[in-house]
Amino acid sequence: MRQIVLDTETTGLEPSEGHRIIEIGCLEMVERRITNRNFHIYLNPDCEVEEGAIQVHGITNEFLADKPRFADVAADFIDFIRDSELVIHNASFDVGFLDAELARLESPTRVEEHATVLDTLYLARELHPGQRVSLDALCKRYEVDNSGRELHGALLDAELLAEVYLAMTGGQVDLCLDLSDDGDTADGQEPLGELDLSKLIVQKATAEELSAHQARLETIRETAGKCLWLEASE
């Protein structure tokens, strides 16, 4: 399964008032593993960035003056998200802006024509009713380090959301053993070398732990609409 974790930064809050996207950040996950592929671009919106928005993300009009327009990168963006599931926090906001940008193209289109959408805000509210479910709050709840998030940034927030999503849905976050064809790790680190499996200690789950695990998987399927572990075993 291919998922794209996506976030945007904008000139303001309402696309209906002419506000535009100024940054898109996407990272790819395949079978719940974060790959080294991403799509990250700053955009010239052809309008002024509101002062309140600058205070949130720090992106100024001067910085954006020489950046490409959305129409210049739309084809590459659509190619990157095509046939994926988009993982977005408060998806109505980002998809609303993306649809507004896509509607301005010579051949108008919509996000739903190219990808499905999973809203992690809705998922978090289902899992933690009555609790704060902002990205910062979820980072704290799931012990995801967001100490570098002094300002919002599309790619940084997508990276944080990917870790939160994997933790929130019971997935593995830190241990990535994917190796490239030449034996190096996908992120350029030194290869792990061969593992001596005879030295591994196998700790089997108790009946109580297995029951709790099964209940957790059922909760994931009820809230997210599917659960890969259950589907694989059925």
Protein backbone atom coordinates (compact mmCIF):
# COMPACT_ATOMS: atom_id res chain seq x y z
CA MET A 1 0.00 0.00 0.00
CA ARG A 2 1.37 3.40 -0.99
CA GLN A 3 0.55 6.38 1.21
CA ILE A 4 1.58 10.01 0.88
CA VAL A 5 1.70 12.10 4.04
CA LEU A 6 0.90 15.65 2.99
CA ASP A 7 0.82 19.14 4.43
CA THR A 8 0.56 22.64 2.99
CA GLU A 9 1.24 26.21 4.05
CA THR A 10 -0.88 29.03 2.68
CA THR A 11 -1.23 32.81 2.43
CA GLY A 12 -4.31 32.74 4.68
CA LEU A 13 -7.20 30.59 5.82
CA GLU A 14 -9.81 30.69 3.04
CA PRO A 15 -9.30 29.69 -0.59
CA SER A 16 -12.71 31.22 -1.32
CA GLU A 17 -11.20 34.60 -0.41
CA GLY A 18 -8.37 34.19 -2.90
CA HIS A 19 -5.77 32.75 -0.54
CA ARG A 20 -3.26 30.42 -2.17
CA ILE A 21 -0.84 27.61 -1.36
CA ILE A 22 2.78 28.68 -0.85
CA GLU A 23 4.37 25.39 0.25
CA ILE A 24 3.60 21.71 -0.33
CA GLY A 25 5.37 18.98 1.60
CA CYS A 26 4.80 15.28 0.88
CA LEU A 27 6.63 12.14 1.94
CA GLU A 28 6.04 8.61 0.76
CA MET A 29 5.28 5.52 2.82
CA VAL A 30 5.07 2.07 1.25
CA GLU A 31 3.60 -0.73 3.36
CA ARG A 32 3.88 1.59 6.38
CA ARG A 33 7.61 2.19 5.86
CA ILE A 34 8.85 5.72 5.27
CA THR A 35 10.87 5.78 2.05
CA ASN A 36 13.45 8.34 0.93
CA ARG A 37 11.07 9.87 -1.66
CA ASN A 38 9.39 13.20 -1.06
CA PHE A 39 7.86 16.11 -2.94
CA HIS A 40 8.64 19.54 -1.50
CA ILE A 41 8.14 22.89 -3.20
CA TYR A 42 7.66 26.56 -2.37
CA LEU A 43 5.25 28.48 -4.62
CA ASN A 44 4.74 32.06 -5.71
CA PRO A 45 1.05 32.70 -4.96
CA ASP A 46 0.76 35.93 -6.97
CA CYS A 47 -0.81 37.54 -3.91
CA GLU A 48 0.31 38.86 -0.54
CA VAL A 49 0.88 36.53 2.41
CA GLU A 50 -1.16 37.69 5.41
CA GLU A 51 0.88 38.91 8.37
CA GLY A 52 -0.89 36.44 10.64
CA ALA A 53 0.10 33.58 8.34
CA ILE A 54 3.73 34.74 8.28
CA GLN A 55 3.76 34.56 12.07
CA VAL A 56 2.69 30.91 11.82
CA HIS A 57 5.08 29.65 9.14
CA GLY A 58 7.64 32.43 8.67
CA ILE A 59 7.40 32.39 4.85
CA THR A 60 7.63 35.94 3.50
CA ASN A 61 6.53 37.56 0.26
CA GLU A 62 10.17 38.35 -0.55
CA PHE A 63 11.19 34.71 -0.20
CA LEU A 64 8.42 33.57 -2.56
CA ALA A 65 9.02 36.17 -5.28
CA ASP A 66 11.21 33.95 -7.47
CA LYS A 67 9.45 30.64 -6.78
CA PRO A 68 7.43 28.73 -9.42
CA ARG A 69 3.65 28.97 -9.72
CA PHE A 70 1.43 26.01 -8.89
CA ALA A 71 0.64 25.50 -12.58
CA ASP A 72 4.36 25.02 -13.23
CA VAL A 73 4.60 22.04 -10.86
CA ALA A 74 1.04 20.67 -10.99
CA ALA A 75 1.88 17.76 -13.30
CA ASP A 76 4.78 16.63 -11.10
CA PHE A 77 2.60 16.92 -7.99
CA ILE A 78 -0.22 14.89 -9.51
CA ASP A 79 2.25 12.22 -10.66
CA PHE A 80 3.63 11.97 -7.12
CA ILE A 81 0.25 11.48 -5.41
CA ARG A 82 -1.43 9.43 -8.14
CA ASP A 83 -3.10 6.19 -6.95
CA SER A 84 -2.01 6.73 -3.35
CA GLU A 85 -3.81 7.29 -0.07
CA LEU A 86 -3.15 10.82 1.19
CA VAL A 87 -2.64 11.03 4.95
CA ILE A 88 -3.52 14.57 6.05
CA HIS A 89 -4.26 16.21 9.39
CA ASN A 90 -7.43 18.29 9.01
CA ALA A 91 -7.76 17.16 5.42
CA SER A 92 -10.64 19.50 4.53
CA PHE A 93 -8.26 22.47 4.84
CA ASP A 94 -5.45 21.14 2.64
CA VAL A 95 -7.71 19.42 0.11
CA GLY A 96 -9.83 22.57 -0.14
CA PHE A 97 -6.76 24.60 -1.06
CA LEU A 98 -5.42 21.94 -3.42
CA ASP A 99 -8.76 21.65 -5.20
CA ALA A 100 -8.84 25.44 -5.58
CA GLU A 101 -5.37 25.36 -7.16
CA LEU A 102 -6.25 22.42 -9.40
CA ALA A 103 -9.42 24.19 -10.54
CA ARG A 104 -7.28 27.04 -11.94
CA LEU A 105 -5.39 24.75 -14.31
CA GLU A 106 -5.99 24.71 -18.05
CA SER A 107 -7.46 21.23 -17.54
CA PRO A 108 -9.21 21.52 -14.13
CA THR A 109 -9.21 18.49 -11.86
CA ARG A 110 -9.69 17.53 -8.21
CA VAL A 111 -7.64 15.65 -5.62
CA GLU A 112 -10.22 12.84 -5.41
CA GLU A 113 -9.64 12.04 -9.09
CA HIS A 114 -6.06 11.03 -8.33
CA ALA A 115 -5.93 9.76 -4.73
CA THR A 116 -8.02 8.81 -1.71
CA VAL A 117 -7.75 10.74 1.55
CA LEU A 118 -7.36 9.66 5.18
CA ASP A 119 -7.96 12.45 7.71
CA THR A 120 -5.85 11.85 10.83
CA LEU A 121 -7.74 14.59 12.69
CA TYR A 122 -10.93 12.52 12.42
CA LEU A 123 -9.01 9.38 13.38
CA ALA A 124 -7.47 11.08 16.43
CA ARG A 125 -10.88 12.35 17.59
CA GLU A 126 -12.24 8.82 17.38
CA LEU A 127 -9.32 7.41 19.35
CA HIS A 128 -9.13 10.23 21.92
CA PRO A 129 -12.61 11.74 22.35
CA GLY A 130 -12.62 14.99 24.28
CA GLN A 131 -8.83 15.32 24.14
CA ARG A 132 -6.67 17.84 22.30
CA VAL A 133 -5.78 16.43 18.87
CA SER A 134 -3.61 19.12 17.30
CA LEU A 135 -0.40 17.86 15.73
CA ASP A 136 1.61 19.21 18.67
CA ALA A 137 -0.71 17.53 21.16
CA LEU A 138 -0.45 14.21 19.31
CA CYS A 139 3.34 14.49 19.17
CA LYS A 140 3.33 14.84 22.95
CA ARG A 141 0.88 11.96 23.42
CA TYR A 142 2.86 9.58 21.21
CA GLU A 143 6.32 10.84 22.28
CA VAL A 144 7.27 12.12 18.84
CA ASP A 145 10.04 14.72 19.10
CA ASN A 146 8.75 18.03 17.72
CA SER A 147 11.30 20.23 19.49
CA GLY A 148 12.44 21.63 16.12
CA ARG A 149 8.96 22.89 15.25
CA GLU A 150 9.29 26.54 16.23
CA LEU A 151 7.36 27.48 13.07
CA HIS A 152 5.05 25.44 10.89
CA GLY A 153 6.59 23.97 7.73
CA ALA A 154 4.91 21.68 5.23
CA LEU A 155 7.63 19.04 4.94
CA LEU A 156 8.54 19.14 8.64
CA ASP A 157 4.88 18.78 9.61
CA ALA A 158 4.44 15.91 7.13
CA GLU A 159 7.43 14.13 8.71
CA LEU A 160 5.98 14.60 12.21
CA LEU A 161 2.54 13.49 11.05
CA ALA A 162 3.99 10.33 9.51
CA GLU A 163 5.50 9.32 12.85
CA VAL A 164 2.33 10.22 14.73
CA TYR A 165 0.17 8.28 12.27
CA LEU A 166 2.31 5.16 12.52
CA ALA A 167 2.27 5.34 16.31
CA MET A 168 -1.44 6.14 16.45
CA THR A 169 -2.34 3.14 14.30
CA GLY A 170 -0.06 0.78 16.17
CA GLY A 171 2.71 0.70 13.58
CA GLN A 172 6.46 0.53 13.87
CA VAL A 173 8.14 3.94 13.64
CA ASP A 174 11.90 3.82 14.22
CA LEU A 175 13.23 0.48 12.99
CA CYS A 176 13.57 0.61 9.19
CA LEU A 177 15.62 -2.24 7.72
CA ASP A 178 15.00 -1.60 4.01
CA LEU A 179 18.30 -1.98 2.12
CA SER A 180 19.12 -0.70 -1.33
CA ASP A 181 20.48 -2.98 -4.02
CA ASP A 182 24.11 -2.10 -3.25
CA GLY A 183 23.76 -3.08 0.40
CA ASP A 184 23.56 0.45 1.80
CA THR A 185 20.59 1.53 3.85
CA ALA A 186 17.95 3.64 2.14
CA ASP A 187 18.95 6.78 4.06
CA GLY A 188 22.63 6.52 3.20
CA GLN A 189 23.80 5.09 6.53
CA GLU A 190 26.23 2.20 6.82
CA PRO A 191 24.75 -1.26 6.15
CA LEU A 192 23.76 -3.27 9.19
CA GLY A 193 25.73 -6.36 8.25
CA GLU A 194 24.54 -9.91 8.80
CA LEU A 195 22.52 -10.68 11.89
CA ASP A 196 23.33 -13.67 14.06
CA LEU A 197 19.81 -14.96 14.63
CA SER A 198 21.01 -17.60 17.08
CA LYS A 199 21.65 -14.85 19.63
CA LEU A 200 18.16 -13.40 19.45
CA ILE A 201 15.95 -13.92 22.49
CA VAL A 202 12.37 -14.82 21.61
CA GLN A 203 9.84 -13.58 24.16
CA LYS A 204 6.45 -15.04 23.36
CA ALA A 205 3.31 -13.07 24.13
CA THR A 206 1.01 -14.26 26.90
CA ALA A 207 -2.63 -15.13 26.27
CA GLU A 208 -3.62 -11.84 27.93
CA GLU A 209 -1.26 -9.87 25.69
CA LEU A 210 -2.53 -11.62 22.57
CA SER A 211 -6.11 -10.80 23.55
CA ALA A 212 -5.23 -7.15 24.12
CA HIS A 213 -3.43 -7.05 20.77
CA GLN A 214 -6.46 -8.49 18.97
CA ALA A 215 -8.72 -5.91 20.61
CA ARG A 216 -6.36 -3.15 19.50
CA LEU A 217 -6.45 -4.37 15.90
CA GLU A 218 -10.25 -4.43 15.96
CA THR A 219 -10.26 -0.84 17.24
CA ILE A 220 -7.96 0.22 14.40
CA ARG A 221 -10.25 -1.41 11.83
CA GLU A 222 -13.33 0.24 13.32
CA THR A 223 -11.76 3.74 13.38
CA ALA A 224 -9.60 3.67 10.25
CA GLY A 225 -11.88 1.47 8.14
CA LYS A 226 -9.26 -1.24 7.64
CA CYS A 227 -6.38 -3.00 9.36
CA LEU A 228 -3.63 -4.66 7.35
CA TRP A 229 -2.75 -7.16 10.08
CA LEU A 230 -6.33 -8.45 10.27
CA GLU A 231 -6.71 -8.54 6.49
CA ALA A 232 -3.50 -10.57 6.17
CA SER A 233 -4.70 -13.16 8.68
CA GLU A 234 -8.25 -13.52 7.38
